[in-house]
Amino acid sequence: MDLAFTPEEQKFADEVRAFVRANLPADVRDKVKNGKHLIRDDYMRWQQALGKKGWLVYTWPKKHGGPGFTPAQRYIFENICAEEYAPGIIPFGTKMVGPVIYTFGTEAQKEKYLPAIRESTVWWCQGYSEPGSGSDLASLRTKAEKDGDHYIVNGSKTWNTMGHWADWIFCLVRTDFKSKPQEGISFLLIDMKTP
């Protein structure tokens, strides 16, 4: 088995390296290289540069706005970004909620949420774990009760990585307390400015 990159893959690697070197802000690169704390703006500037190139959602298929990278291209992209001291892409929008929306969402939801994920103009966080139950989703206690075309959500979430920077949260909530614990759970998208 030949594990060497093809000439096309080597050309792609050169393209990625040139793009990163030209578009990764020097101050962000220096922070990553020296193990310094990154702030929201550091991530957003880099992710928005990737978004303009069409590479932020590099794991997405073309039909949903991704570049349609092959597995080898994904590997090359990830490795060169790391070699060049680019910050990791925050996965909440790009790898967690985005694929759920493009797989299960309505066309209106896709039109509303996916462009902002692809362009990194909205920061997402996840709302799964809860105090006293961690990631055991069968013990989920945050409830959402239907009120017209909205839900009233009550409960607590914990371990919301970078949640203090988030614009939106995707949240697992209990909408049916009569079902067995592993059922009756819904996936809601909640604006973090919601009271």
N, C-alpha and C. Protein backbone atom coordinates (compact mmCIF):
# COMPACT_ATOMS: atom_id res chain seq x y z
N MET A 1 0.85 -1.17 0.00
CA MET A 1 0.00 0.00 0.00
C MET A 1 0.90 1.24 0.00
N ASP A 2 0.60 2.19 -0.88
CA ASP A 2 1.37 3.42 -0.99
C ASP A 2 0.71 4.51 -0.16
N LEU A 3 1.41 4.98 0.86
CA LEU A 3 0.86 6.01 1.74
C LEU A 3 1.30 7.41 1.39
N ALA A 4 2.05 7.56 0.32
CA ALA A 4 2.51 8.89 -0.09
C ALA A 4 1.35 9.68 -0.67
N PHE A 5 1.39 11.01 -0.49
CA PHE A 5 0.37 11.85 -1.08
C PHE A 5 0.53 11.88 -2.60
N THR A 6 -0.58 12.00 -3.28
CA THR A 6 -0.56 12.13 -4.74
C THR A 6 -0.07 13.53 -5.10
N PRO A 7 0.32 13.75 -6.34
CA PRO A 7 0.71 15.10 -6.75
C PRO A 7 -0.42 16.13 -6.50
N GLU A 8 -1.66 15.73 -6.71
CA GLU A 8 -2.79 16.64 -6.46
C GLU A 8 -2.90 16.98 -4.98
N GLU A 9 -2.69 15.98 -4.12
CA GLU A 9 -2.75 16.22 -2.68
C GLU A 9 -1.59 17.10 -2.22
N GLN A 10 -0.41 16.90 -2.81
CA GLN A 10 0.73 17.76 -2.47
C GLN A 10 0.47 19.20 -2.91
N LYS A 11 -0.16 19.37 -4.08
CA LYS A 11 -0.52 20.71 -4.55
C LYS A 11 -1.54 21.34 -3.59
N PHE A 12 -2.50 20.55 -3.13
CA PHE A 12 -3.49 21.05 -2.17
C PHE A 12 -2.79 21.46 -0.87
N ALA A 13 -1.84 20.68 -0.40
CA ALA A 13 -1.09 21.02 0.81
C ALA A 13 -0.38 22.36 0.64
N ASP A 14 0.20 22.59 -0.51
CA ASP A 14 0.86 23.87 -0.78
C ASP A 14 -0.16 25.01 -0.74
N GLU A 15 -1.34 24.77 -1.30
CA GLU A 15 -2.40 25.79 -1.29
C GLU A 15 -2.83 26.11 0.13
N VAL A 16 -3.02 25.08 0.96
CA VAL A 16 -3.43 25.29 2.35
C VAL A 16 -2.36 26.07 3.09
N ARG A 17 -1.12 25.66 2.96
CA ARG A 17 -0.02 26.33 3.67
C ARG A 17 0.07 27.81 3.26
N ALA A 18 -0.05 28.07 1.98
CA ALA A 18 0.02 29.46 1.50
C ALA A 18 -1.16 30.27 2.04
N PHE A 19 -2.34 29.67 2.07
CA PHE A 19 -3.52 30.38 2.58
C PHE A 19 -3.35 30.69 4.06
N VAL A 20 -2.94 29.70 4.84
CA VAL A 20 -2.79 29.92 6.29
C VAL A 20 -1.75 31.01 6.55
N ARG A 21 -0.64 30.93 5.89
CA ARG A 21 0.41 31.93 6.10
C ARG A 21 -0.04 33.33 5.71
N ALA A 22 -0.90 33.44 4.71
CA ALA A 22 -1.36 34.75 4.25
C ALA A 22 -2.55 35.29 5.05
N ASN A 23 -3.31 34.40 5.72
CA ASN A 23 -4.57 34.83 6.32
C ASN A 23 -4.69 34.66 7.83
N LEU A 24 -3.81 33.88 8.44
CA LEU A 24 -3.86 33.73 9.89
C LEU A 24 -3.26 34.99 10.51
N PRO A 25 -4.05 35.75 11.30
CA PRO A 25 -3.49 36.95 11.90
C PRO A 25 -2.24 36.63 12.73
N ALA A 26 -1.19 37.45 12.56
CA ALA A 26 0.09 37.20 13.22
C ALA A 26 -0.04 37.16 14.73
N ASP A 27 -0.89 38.03 15.31
CA ASP A 27 -1.04 38.04 16.76
C ASP A 27 -1.70 36.76 17.27
N VAL A 28 -2.62 36.21 16.47
CA VAL A 28 -3.28 34.96 16.85
C VAL A 28 -2.28 33.81 16.75
N ARG A 29 -1.52 33.78 15.67
CA ARG A 29 -0.48 32.75 15.49
C ARG A 29 0.49 32.77 16.66
N ASP A 30 0.92 33.97 17.06
CA ASP A 30 1.87 34.08 18.16
C ASP A 30 1.28 33.60 19.48
N LYS A 31 0.01 33.91 19.70
CA LYS A 31 -0.65 33.43 20.93
C LYS A 31 -0.68 31.90 20.96
N VAL A 32 -1.07 31.29 19.85
CA VAL A 32 -1.13 29.82 19.80
C VAL A 32 0.27 29.24 19.97
N LYS A 33 1.23 29.78 19.25
CA LYS A 33 2.60 29.27 19.31
C LYS A 33 3.17 29.34 20.72
N ASN A 34 2.81 30.39 21.46
CA ASN A 34 3.36 30.59 22.80
C ASN A 34 2.42 30.16 23.93
N GLY A 35 1.37 29.43 23.58
CA GLY A 35 0.46 28.90 24.59
C GLY A 35 -0.31 29.97 25.36
N LYS A 36 -0.59 31.09 24.72
CA LYS A 36 -1.31 32.19 25.37
C LYS A 36 -2.82 31.99 25.25
N HIS A 37 -3.55 32.65 26.13
CA HIS A 37 -5.01 32.58 26.15
C HIS A 37 -5.59 33.29 24.93
N LEU A 38 -6.52 32.63 24.25
CA LEU A 38 -7.20 33.23 23.11
C LEU A 38 -8.54 33.79 23.57
N ILE A 39 -8.96 34.88 22.95
CA ILE A 39 -10.27 35.44 23.23
C ILE A 39 -11.18 35.19 22.02
N ARG A 40 -12.46 35.49 22.20
CA ARG A 40 -13.44 35.25 21.13
C ARG A 40 -12.98 35.86 19.81
N ASP A 41 -12.53 37.10 19.84
CA ASP A 41 -12.13 37.80 18.63
C ASP A 41 -11.00 37.07 17.90
N ASP A 42 -10.09 36.45 18.62
CA ASP A 42 -9.00 35.69 18.00
C ASP A 42 -9.56 34.55 17.16
N TYR A 43 -10.46 33.78 17.77
CA TYR A 43 -11.08 32.67 17.04
C TYR A 43 -11.90 33.17 15.86
N MET A 44 -12.70 34.22 16.10
CA MET A 44 -13.61 34.71 15.07
C MET A 44 -12.85 35.23 13.85
N ARG A 45 -11.77 35.97 14.06
CA ARG A 45 -11.02 36.50 12.91
C ARG A 45 -10.48 35.36 12.04
N TRP A 46 -9.95 34.33 12.69
CA TRP A 46 -9.41 33.21 11.93
C TRP A 46 -10.54 32.43 11.25
N GLN A 47 -11.58 32.14 11.99
CA GLN A 47 -12.68 31.36 11.42
C GLN A 47 -13.38 32.12 10.30
N GLN A 48 -13.48 33.43 10.42
CA GLN A 48 -14.10 34.20 9.35
C GLN A 48 -13.23 34.19 8.09
N ALA A 49 -11.91 34.19 8.25
CA ALA A 49 -11.03 34.06 7.09
C ALA A 49 -11.25 32.71 6.42
N LEU A 50 -11.36 31.66 7.22
CA LEU A 50 -11.64 30.34 6.66
C LEU A 50 -13.01 30.31 5.99
N GLY A 51 -13.98 30.98 6.61
CA GLY A 51 -15.32 31.04 6.04
C GLY A 51 -15.34 31.70 4.67
N LYS A 52 -14.60 32.78 4.53
CA LYS A 52 -14.53 33.47 3.23
C LYS A 52 -13.91 32.58 2.17
N LYS A 53 -12.98 31.75 2.56
CA LYS A 53 -12.34 30.81 1.63
C LYS A 53 -13.25 29.61 1.33
N GLY A 54 -14.24 29.37 2.20
CA GLY A 54 -15.11 28.20 2.04
C GLY A 54 -14.59 26.98 2.76
N TRP A 55 -13.62 27.16 3.67
CA TRP A 55 -12.98 26.04 4.34
C TRP A 55 -13.35 25.90 5.81
N LEU A 56 -14.12 26.81 6.38
CA LEU A 56 -14.44 26.69 7.80
C LEU A 56 -15.19 25.39 8.09
N VAL A 57 -16.16 25.08 7.25
CA VAL A 57 -16.94 23.86 7.45
C VAL A 57 -16.37 22.76 6.55
N TYR A 58 -15.09 22.50 6.74
CA TYR A 58 -14.35 21.61 5.84
C TYR A 58 -14.81 20.17 5.89
N THR A 59 -15.63 19.79 6.87
CA THR A 59 -16.15 18.43 6.92
C THR A 59 -17.53 18.31 6.27
N TRP A 60 -18.10 19.45 5.86
CA TRP A 60 -19.44 19.43 5.26
C TRP A 60 -19.38 19.06 3.79
N PRO A 61 -20.45 18.40 3.32
CA PRO A 61 -20.53 18.12 1.89
C PRO A 61 -20.81 19.40 1.09
N LYS A 62 -20.50 19.36 -0.18
CA LYS A 62 -20.71 20.53 -1.04
C LYS A 62 -22.16 20.99 -1.06
N LYS A 63 -23.09 20.05 -1.03
CA LYS A 63 -24.50 20.44 -1.16
C LYS A 63 -24.99 21.28 0.00
N HIS A 64 -24.23 21.32 1.10
CA HIS A 64 -24.60 22.15 2.24
C HIS A 64 -23.61 23.30 2.45
N GLY A 65 -22.79 23.56 1.46
CA GLY A 65 -21.87 24.70 1.51
C GLY A 65 -20.47 24.38 1.95
N GLY A 66 -20.16 23.11 2.13
CA GLY A 66 -18.79 22.72 2.47
C GLY A 66 -17.95 22.57 1.21
N PRO A 67 -16.65 22.39 1.37
CA PRO A 67 -15.78 22.25 0.20
C PRO A 67 -15.76 20.85 -0.39
N GLY A 68 -16.34 19.88 0.32
CA GLY A 68 -16.33 18.51 -0.18
C GLY A 68 -14.96 17.87 -0.16
N PHE A 69 -14.15 18.20 0.86
CA PHE A 69 -12.81 17.62 0.97
C PHE A 69 -12.86 16.10 1.05
N THR A 70 -11.87 15.47 0.48
CA THR A 70 -11.68 14.03 0.65
C THR A 70 -11.09 13.79 2.05
N PRO A 71 -11.10 12.55 2.52
CA PRO A 71 -10.43 12.28 3.81
C PRO A 71 -8.97 12.73 3.82
N ALA A 72 -8.26 12.53 2.73
CA ALA A 72 -6.85 12.96 2.67
C ALA A 72 -6.75 14.48 2.77
N GLN A 73 -7.63 15.19 2.10
CA GLN A 73 -7.61 16.66 2.17
C GLN A 73 -7.92 17.15 3.59
N ARG A 74 -8.86 16.50 4.25
CA ARG A 74 -9.15 16.87 5.64
C ARG A 74 -7.91 16.70 6.51
N TYR A 75 -7.24 15.57 6.34
CA TYR A 75 -6.03 15.29 7.10
C TYR A 75 -4.96 16.35 6.83
N ILE A 76 -4.77 16.65 5.56
CA ILE A 76 -3.77 17.66 5.18
C ILE A 76 -4.14 19.00 5.79
N PHE A 77 -5.38 19.42 5.63
CA PHE A 77 -5.85 20.70 6.15
C PHE A 77 -5.62 20.81 7.66
N GLU A 78 -6.05 19.80 8.41
CA GLU A 78 -5.90 19.82 9.87
C GLU A 78 -4.44 19.88 10.28
N ASN A 79 -3.60 19.09 9.63
CA ASN A 79 -2.19 19.03 10.00
C ASN A 79 -1.45 20.32 9.67
N ILE A 80 -1.72 20.88 8.53
CA ILE A 80 -1.02 22.12 8.17
C ILE A 80 -1.48 23.26 9.08
N CYS A 81 -2.78 23.33 9.38
CA CYS A 81 -3.25 24.36 10.31
C CYS A 81 -2.52 24.23 11.65
N ALA A 82 -2.37 23.01 12.14
CA ALA A 82 -1.66 22.80 13.41
C ALA A 82 -0.18 23.17 13.28
N GLU A 83 0.45 22.78 12.20
CA GLU A 83 1.87 23.10 11.98
C GLU A 83 2.11 24.61 11.93
N GLU A 84 1.13 25.35 11.42
CA GLU A 84 1.25 26.79 11.26
C GLU A 84 0.71 27.56 12.47
N TYR A 85 0.37 26.85 13.54
CA TYR A 85 -0.10 27.45 14.79
C TYR A 85 -1.44 28.18 14.65
N ALA A 86 -2.32 27.63 13.84
CA ALA A 86 -3.68 28.17 13.77
C ALA A 86 -4.48 27.61 14.94
N PRO A 87 -5.37 28.42 15.51
CA PRO A 87 -6.21 27.88 16.58
C PRO A 87 -7.16 26.83 16.02
N GLY A 88 -7.51 25.89 16.86
CA GLY A 88 -8.49 24.89 16.44
C GLY A 88 -9.83 25.55 16.14
N ILE A 89 -10.53 24.99 15.20
CA ILE A 89 -11.87 25.49 14.86
C ILE A 89 -12.81 25.07 15.99
N ILE A 90 -13.57 26.02 16.50
CA ILE A 90 -14.54 25.71 17.55
C ILE A 90 -15.61 24.80 16.95
N PRO A 91 -15.84 23.61 17.51
CA PRO A 91 -16.68 22.61 16.84
C PRO A 91 -18.19 22.76 17.03
N PHE A 92 -18.62 23.61 17.94
CA PHE A 92 -20.04 23.60 18.28
C PHE A 92 -20.94 23.92 17.09
N GLY A 93 -20.61 24.92 16.31
CA GLY A 93 -21.40 25.23 15.13
C GLY A 93 -21.05 24.34 13.96
N THR A 94 -19.75 24.20 13.70
CA THR A 94 -19.29 23.53 12.48
C THR A 94 -19.46 22.02 12.50
N LYS A 95 -19.24 21.39 13.64
CA LYS A 95 -19.26 19.92 13.67
C LYS A 95 -20.41 19.34 14.50
N MET A 96 -21.11 20.18 15.26
CA MET A 96 -22.16 19.64 16.11
C MET A 96 -23.56 20.07 15.62
N VAL A 97 -23.87 21.36 15.75
CA VAL A 97 -25.24 21.77 15.40
C VAL A 97 -25.44 21.89 13.90
N GLY A 98 -24.43 22.35 13.16
CA GLY A 98 -24.59 22.49 11.71
C GLY A 98 -25.02 21.20 11.03
N PRO A 99 -24.30 20.09 11.25
CA PRO A 99 -24.71 18.84 10.62
C PRO A 99 -26.12 18.36 11.05
N VAL A 100 -26.51 18.64 12.29
CA VAL A 100 -27.87 18.29 12.71
C VAL A 100 -28.88 19.10 11.91
N ILE A 101 -28.60 20.40 11.75
CA ILE A 101 -29.53 21.26 11.02
C ILE A 101 -29.60 20.85 9.55
N TYR A 102 -28.44 20.62 8.90
CA TYR A 102 -28.54 20.28 7.48
C TYR A 102 -29.08 18.89 7.24
N THR A 103 -29.03 18.01 8.24
CA THR A 103 -29.58 16.66 8.09
C THR A 103 -31.07 16.60 8.44
N PHE A 104 -31.47 17.28 9.52
CA PHE A 104 -32.84 17.13 10.02
C PHE A 104 -33.67 18.40 9.98
N GLY A 105 -33.04 19.55 9.74
CA GLY A 105 -33.76 20.82 9.79
C GLY A 105 -34.65 21.05 8.58
N THR A 106 -35.58 21.99 8.74
CA THR A 106 -36.42 22.41 7.64
C THR A 106 -35.60 23.30 6.70
N GLU A 107 -36.11 23.55 5.52
CA GLU A 107 -35.41 24.44 4.60
C GLU A 107 -35.27 25.83 5.21
N ALA A 108 -36.31 26.29 5.92
CA ALA A 108 -36.24 27.61 6.57
C ALA A 108 -35.14 27.65 7.62
N GLN A 109 -34.99 26.57 8.39
CA GLN A 109 -33.93 26.51 9.41
C GLN A 109 -32.56 26.49 8.74
N LYS A 110 -32.42 25.75 7.66
CA LYS A 110 -31.14 25.71 6.94
C LYS A 110 -30.77 27.09 6.43
N GLU A 111 -31.74 27.78 5.86
CA GLU A 111 -31.49 29.13 5.33
C GLU A 111 -31.15 30.12 6.43
N LYS A 112 -31.76 29.94 7.59
CA LYS A 112 -31.53 30.88 8.70
C LYS A 112 -30.19 30.65 9.39
N TYR A 113 -29.85 29.40 9.68
CA TYR A 113 -28.70 29.11 10.54
C TYR A 113 -27.40 28.74 9.82
N LEU A 114 -27.48 28.04 8.72
CA LEU A 114 -26.25 27.51 8.11
C LEU A 114 -25.31 28.59 7.57
N PRO A 115 -25.81 29.65 6.91
CA PRO A 115 -24.85 30.66 6.43
C PRO A 115 -24.02 31.28 7.55
N ALA A 116 -24.63 31.56 8.69
CA ALA A 116 -23.89 32.17 9.81
C ALA A 116 -22.87 31.20 10.40
N ILE A 117 -23.13 29.91 10.32
CA ILE A 117 -22.15 28.92 10.77
C ILE A 117 -21.00 28.88 9.77
N ARG A 118 -21.33 28.82 8.48
CA ARG A 118 -20.28 28.76 7.44
C ARG A 118 -19.39 29.99 7.44
N GLU A 119 -19.95 31.14 7.82
CA GLU A 119 -19.20 32.40 7.80
C GLU A 119 -18.62 32.77 9.17
N SER A 120 -18.95 32.01 10.20
CA SER A 120 -18.52 32.27 11.58
C SER A 120 -18.93 33.66 12.06
N THR A 121 -20.20 33.99 11.83
CA THR A 121 -20.72 35.26 12.36
C THR A 121 -21.56 35.02 13.61
N VAL A 122 -21.81 33.76 13.93
CA VAL A 122 -22.56 33.39 15.13
C VAL A 122 -21.76 32.33 15.87
N TRP A 123 -21.64 32.50 17.19
CA TRP A 123 -20.92 31.54 18.04
C TRP A 123 -21.96 30.66 18.74
N TRP A 124 -21.76 29.36 18.67
CA TRP A 124 -22.67 28.39 19.30
C TRP A 124 -22.00 27.74 20.51
N CYS A 125 -22.82 27.30 21.46
CA CYS A 125 -22.36 26.43 22.54
C CYS A 125 -23.39 25.31 22.69
N GLN A 126 -23.01 24.29 23.43
CA GLN A 126 -23.93 23.17 23.62
C GLN A 126 -24.50 23.16 25.02
N GLY A 127 -25.73 22.70 25.13
CA GLY A 127 -26.40 22.57 26.41
C GLY A 127 -26.90 21.15 26.61
N TYR A 128 -25.99 20.27 26.98
CA TYR A 128 -26.35 18.88 27.23
C TYR A 128 -26.27 18.55 28.72
N SER A 129 -25.08 18.68 29.29
CA SER A 129 -24.84 18.24 30.67
C SER A 129 -25.57 19.12 31.68
N GLU A 130 -25.92 18.49 32.81
CA GLU A 130 -26.63 19.20 33.86
C GLU A 130 -25.98 18.94 35.22
N PRO A 131 -26.16 19.88 36.15
CA PRO A 131 -25.62 19.67 37.51
C PRO A 131 -26.20 18.39 38.10
N GLY A 132 -25.34 17.61 38.72
CA GLY A 132 -25.78 16.39 39.39
C GLY A 132 -25.97 15.20 38.48
N SER A 133 -25.87 15.38 37.17
CA SER A 133 -26.06 14.24 36.28
C SER A 133 -25.03 14.18 35.16
N GLY A 134 -24.21 15.21 35.04
CA GLY A 134 -23.17 15.19 34.03
C GLY A 134 -23.73 14.97 32.64
N SER A 135 -23.19 14.01 31.94
CA SER A 135 -23.61 13.76 30.56
C SER A 135 -24.59 12.60 30.45
N ASP A 136 -25.15 12.18 31.55
CA ASP A 136 -26.15 11.11 31.54
C ASP A 136 -27.48 11.71 31.06
N LEU A 137 -27.73 11.64 29.77
CA LEU A 137 -28.89 12.31 29.20
C LEU A 137 -30.20 11.66 29.62
N ALA A 138 -30.18 10.42 30.08
CA ALA A 138 -31.41 9.80 30.57
C ALA A 138 -31.90 10.51 31.84
N SER A 139 -31.00 11.17 32.55
CA SER A 139 -31.40 11.87 33.78
C SER A 139 -31.70 13.35 33.53
N LEU A 140 -31.84 13.74 32.29
CA LEU A 140 -32.10 15.12 31.90
C LEU A 140 -33.33 15.67 32.64
N ARG A 141 -33.15 16.84 33.28
CA ARG A 141 -34.26 17.45 34.03
C ARG A 141 -34.70 18.79 33.47
N THR A 142 -33.87 19.45 32.67
CA THR A 142 -34.30 20.71 32.07
C THR A 142 -35.51 20.41 31.20
N LYS A 143 -36.58 21.13 31.46
CA LYS A 143 -37.81 20.84 30.73
C LYS A 143 -38.19 22.00 29.82
N ALA A 144 -38.89 21.66 28.77
CA ALA A 144 -39.40 22.65 27.83
C ALA A 144 -40.89 22.35 27.62
N GLU A 145 -41.70 23.35 27.92
CA GLU A 145 -43.14 23.18 27.76
C GLU A 145 -43.62 24.08 26.62
N LYS A 146 -44.40 23.50 25.73
CA LYS A 146 -44.92 24.22 24.57
C LYS A 146 -45.87 25.32 25.03
N ASP A 147 -45.68 26.51 24.46
CA ASP A 147 -46.54 27.67 24.76
C ASP A 147 -46.78 28.38 23.43
N GLY A 148 -47.83 27.98 22.73
CA GLY A 148 -48.07 28.50 21.39
C GLY A 148 -47.03 27.97 20.43
N ASP A 149 -46.32 28.87 19.75
CA ASP A 149 -45.27 28.42 18.82
C ASP A 149 -43.88 28.55 19.44
N HIS A 150 -43.83 28.67 20.77
CA HIS A 150 -42.57 28.76 21.51
C HIS A 150 -42.53 27.71 22.61
N TYR A 151 -41.38 27.61 23.23
CA TYR A 151 -41.22 26.75 24.41
C TYR A 151 -40.80 27.62 25.59
N ILE A 152 -41.27 27.24 26.76
CA ILE A 152 -40.79 27.84 28.00
C ILE A 152 -39.82 26.81 28.58
N VAL A 153 -38.55 27.20 28.71
CA VAL A 153 -37.50 26.28 29.16
C VAL A 153 -37.11 26.63 30.58
N ASN A 154 -37.08 25.62 31.45
CA ASN A 154 -36.65 25.79 32.84
C ASN A 154 -35.68 24.69 33.19
N GLY A 155 -34.58 25.06 33.80
CA GLY A 155 -33.59 24.08 34.22
C GLY A 155 -32.21 24.69 34.19
N SER A 156 -31.21 23.84 34.36
CA SER A 156 -29.82 24.28 34.40
C SER A 156 -28.96 23.40 33.51
N LYS A 157 -27.97 24.03 32.92
CA LYS A 157 -26.96 23.31 32.14
C LYS A 157 -25.60 23.68 32.72
N THR A 158 -24.64 22.78 32.54
CA THR A 158 -23.29 23.02 33.06
C THR A 158 -22.27 22.60 32.01
N TRP A 159 -21.03 22.98 32.22
CA TRP A 159 -19.94 22.67 31.30
C TRP A 159 -20.22 23.20 29.91
N ASN A 160 -20.75 24.39 29.83
CA ASN A 160 -21.01 25.02 28.53
C ASN A 160 -19.73 25.69 28.06
N THR A 161 -18.84 24.91 27.50
CA THR A 161 -17.54 25.41 27.07
C THR A 161 -17.71 26.65 26.21
N MET A 162 -17.06 27.73 26.64
CA MET A 162 -17.10 29.01 25.94
C MET A 162 -18.51 29.57 25.80
N GLY A 163 -19.41 29.12 26.64
CA GLY A 163 -20.78 29.60 26.60
C GLY A 163 -20.90 31.09 26.87
N HIS A 164 -19.95 31.64 27.61
CA HIS A 164 -19.99 33.09 27.89
C HIS A 164 -19.76 33.92 26.64
N TRP A 165 -19.26 33.30 25.56
CA TRP A 165 -19.06 34.00 24.30
C TRP A 165 -20.18 33.69 23.29
N ALA A 166 -21.05 32.77 23.62
CA ALA A 166 -22.00 32.25 22.64
C ALA A 166 -23.16 33.21 22.36
N ASP A 167 -23.57 33.18 21.09
CA ASP A 167 -24.76 33.89 20.65
C ASP A 167 -25.99 32.97 20.73
N TRP A 168 -25.77 31.69 20.47
CA TRP A 168 -26.84 30.69 20.46
C TRP A 168 -26.37 29.43 21.18
N ILE A 169 -27.33 28.68 21.71
CA ILE A 169 -27.05 27.40 22.36
C ILE A 169 -27.97 26.35 21.74
N PHE A 170 -27.43 25.17 21.47
CA PHE A 170 -28.30 24.04 21.10
C PHE A 170 -28.41 23.21 22.36
N CYS A 171 -29.65 22.93 22.72
CA CYS A 171 -29.95 22.42 24.05
C CYS A 171 -30.80 21.16 23.97
N LEU A 172 -30.44 20.16 24.74
CA LEU A 172 -31.30 19.00 24.91
C LEU A 172 -32.19 19.24 26.12
N VAL A 173 -33.48 19.12 25.92
CA VAL A 173 -34.46 19.40 26.97
C VAL A 173 -35.50 18.29 26.98
N ARG A 174 -36.11 18.10 28.13
CA ARG A 174 -37.17 17.09 28.25
C ARG A 174 -38.49 17.75 27.90
N THR A 175 -39.15 17.19 26.88
CA THR A 175 -40.46 17.68 26.47
C THR A 175 -41.57 16.69 26.79
N ASP A 176 -41.21 15.49 27.23
CA ASP A 176 -42.21 14.48 27.59
C ASP A 176 -41.71 13.75 28.84
N PHE A 177 -42.37 14.01 29.97
CA PHE A 177 -41.97 13.38 31.23
C PHE A 177 -42.66 12.04 31.46
N LYS A 178 -43.54 11.65 30.54
CA LYS A 178 -44.25 10.37 30.70
C LYS A 178 -43.52 9.22 30.01
N SER A 179 -42.64 9.54 29.08
CA SER A 179 -41.89 8.51 28.36
C SER A 179 -40.79 7.95 29.25
N LYS A 180 -40.19 6.84 28.81
CA LYS A 180 -39.03 6.33 29.54
C LYS A 180 -37.91 7.36 29.45
N PRO A 181 -36.96 7.37 30.38
CA PRO A 181 -35.95 8.44 30.47
C PRO A 181 -35.14 8.68 29.20
N GLN A 182 -34.94 7.64 28.39
CA GLN A 182 -34.14 7.81 27.18
C GLN A 182 -34.94 8.43 26.04
N GLU A 183 -36.22 8.63 26.23
CA GLU A 183 -37.07 9.21 25.21
C GLU A 183 -37.65 10.53 25.71
N GLY A 184 -38.44 11.17 24.90
CA GLY A 184 -39.08 12.41 25.32
C GLY A 184 -38.12 13.59 25.42
N ILE A 185 -37.01 13.52 24.69
CA ILE A 185 -35.99 14.58 24.71
C ILE A 185 -36.02 15.29 23.36
N SER A 186 -35.97 16.61 23.40
CA SER A 186 -35.97 17.41 22.18
C SER A 186 -34.71 18.25 22.09
N PHE A 187 -34.38 18.64 20.88
CA PHE A 187 -33.18 19.42 20.56
C PHE A 187 -33.66 20.81 20.17
N LEU A 188 -33.41 21.80 21.03
CA LEU A 188 -33.85 23.17 20.77
C LEU A 188 -32.67 24.08 20.47
N LEU A 189 -32.91 25.06 19.61
CA LEU A 189 -31.95 26.11 19.30
C LEU A 189 -32.43 27.34 20.03
N ILE A 190 -31.59 27.90 20.92
CA ILE A 190 -32.02 28.99 21.79
C ILE A 190 -31.05 30.15 21.67
N ASP A 191 -31.59 31.33 21.39
CA ASP A 191 -30.82 32.56 21.36
C ASP A 191 -30.37 32.84 22.80
N MET A 192 -29.07 33.07 22.99
CA MET A 192 -28.55 33.27 24.35
C MET A 192 -29.01 34.59 24.97
N LYS A 193 -29.63 35.46 24.19
CA LYS A 193 -30.19 36.69 24.74
C LYS A 193 -31.62 36.49 25.25
N THR A 194 -32.14 35.27 25.07
CA THR A 194 -33.49 34.98 25.52
C THR A 194 -33.55 35.04 27.05
N PRO A 195 -34.57 35.72 27.60
CA PRO A 195 -34.65 35.75 29.10
C PRO A 195 -34.83 34.35 29.68
